[in-house]
Amino acid sequence: MRLHIPDAAYIYSEEISFDEGDGYNYYYFYILDEDSNELPDDPDDPDNPYEIVRTECEKAGITAISKKEHEEKLEERRQEIGLTDEIYEYGNEYLTEDE
């Protein structure tokens, strides 16, 4: 899939699957400019680069979701498998602010 997205230097994807089957349930994309800053996903922007990616993915039969939806799905799945906040955040007190 070839896309022309103004201001985008890099498009990265994360393929997410919550089952044992082949393939992925959905893809989450994030887009960076030439300075490696993440471009905003603004649903009110008619030229939203993320919407361009999601639309093209949909045409290709790929389920692509927003960052917010991705975070919600991960949180939901984490809770489903019993990964409590206490376990999930264990050791975070040792991280520096940059990590």
Protein backbone atom coordinates (compact mmCIF):
# COMPACT_ATOMS: atom_id res chain seq x y z
CA MET A 1 0.00 0.00 0.00
CA ARG A 2 1.49 3.34 -1.05
CA LEU A 3 0.24 6.52 0.56
CA HIS A 4 1.07 10.17 0.03
CA ILE A 5 0.56 12.04 3.29
CA PRO A 6 1.85 15.62 3.56
CA ASP A 7 4.20 16.26 6.51
CA ALA A 8 4.57 12.52 7.19
CA ALA A 9 8.09 11.15 7.14
CA TYR A 10 7.41 7.83 8.86
CA ILE A 11 4.36 5.64 9.37
CA TYR A 12 4.65 2.89 11.95
CA SER A 13 2.17 0.16 12.71
CA GLU A 14 1.53 -2.14 15.60
CA GLU A 15 -0.28 -5.35 14.78
CA ILE A 16 -2.48 -6.53 17.65
CA SER A 17 -3.99 -9.96 18.18
CA PHE A 18 -5.69 -11.23 21.31
CA ASP A 19 -6.26 -14.81 20.20
CA GLU A 20 -4.26 -17.86 19.20
CA GLY A 21 -5.41 -17.79 15.57
CA ASP A 22 -3.57 -16.62 12.53
CA GLY A 23 -3.62 -12.96 11.62
CA TYR A 24 -4.25 -9.85 13.62
CA ASN A 25 -7.45 -8.42 15.05
CA TYR A 26 -6.50 -4.83 14.27
CA TYR A 27 -3.68 -2.44 13.47
CA TYR A 28 -2.76 0.77 15.23
CA PHE A 29 -0.75 3.35 13.26
CA TYR A 30 1.23 6.34 14.36
CA ILE A 31 2.75 8.91 12.06
CA LEU A 32 5.90 10.96 12.63
CA ASP A 33 7.23 14.06 10.88
CA GLU A 34 10.84 14.56 9.75
CA ASP A 35 11.85 15.54 13.31
CA SER A 36 10.30 12.34 14.73
CA ASN A 37 7.42 14.24 16.34
CA GLU A 38 4.12 12.38 16.33
CA LEU A 39 1.52 14.04 14.12
CA PRO A 40 -1.82 14.72 15.85
CA ASP A 41 -4.86 12.57 15.09
CA ASP A 42 -7.44 15.35 14.81
CA PRO A 43 -10.86 14.06 13.71
CA ASP A 44 -11.95 17.65 12.90
CA ASP A 45 -9.11 18.10 10.39
CA PRO A 46 -10.35 17.32 6.85
CA ASP A 47 -6.76 16.37 5.91
CA ASN A 48 -6.22 14.18 8.99
CA PRO A 49 -3.34 11.86 8.00
CA TYR A 50 -4.60 9.12 10.30
CA GLU A 51 -7.98 9.10 8.60
CA ILE A 52 -6.23 8.72 5.25
CA VAL A 53 -4.38 5.66 6.58
CA ARG A 54 -7.52 4.16 8.18
CA THR A 55 -9.55 4.68 4.99
CA GLU A 56 -6.91 3.01 2.80
CA CYS A 57 -6.59 0.14 5.27
CA GLU A 58 -10.35 -0.35 5.25
CA LYS A 59 -10.29 -0.53 1.44
CA ALA A 60 -7.61 -3.25 1.73
CA GLY A 61 -9.65 -5.20 4.30
CA ILE A 62 -7.44 -4.19 7.24
CA THR A 63 -8.97 -3.03 10.51
CA ALA A 64 -7.10 0.10 11.65
CA ILE A 65 -8.08 1.95 14.81
CA SER A 66 -7.18 5.22 16.54
CA LYS A 67 -4.69 5.57 19.38
CA LYS A 68 -7.55 6.14 21.83
CA GLU A 69 -9.36 2.99 20.68
CA HIS A 70 -6.07 1.07 20.87
CA GLU A 71 -5.47 2.16 24.48
CA GLU A 72 -9.07 1.30 25.42
CA LYS A 73 -8.79 -2.19 23.89
CA LEU A 74 -5.49 -2.87 25.65
CA GLU A 75 -6.93 -1.75 29.00
CA GLU A 76 -10.04 -3.88 28.46
CA ARG A 77 -7.97 -6.93 27.57
CA ARG A 78 -5.59 -6.36 30.48
CA GLN A 79 -8.55 -6.38 32.86
CA GLU A 80 -10.04 -9.49 31.18
CA ILE A 81 -6.90 -11.53 31.84
CA GLY A 82 -6.62 -10.34 35.44
CA LEU A 83 -3.64 -8.05 35.04
CA THR A 84 -4.53 -5.68 37.88
CA ASP A 85 -3.18 -2.16 38.14
CA GLU A 86 -0.92 -3.31 40.99
CA ILE A 87 0.68 -5.99 38.81
CA TYR A 88 0.71 -3.90 35.63
CA GLU A 89 2.46 -0.97 37.31
CA TYR A 90 4.82 -3.06 39.45
CA GLY A 91 8.30 -1.56 39.38
CA ASN A 92 7.24 1.75 37.83
CA GLU A 93 8.48 3.56 40.94
CA TYR A 94 12.02 2.72 39.81
CA LEU A 95 11.64 4.27 36.36
CA THR A 96 12.99 7.71 35.59
CA GLU A 97 10.62 10.32 34.19
CA ASP A 98 12.00 9.70 30.68
CA GLU A 99 11.14 5.98 30.67
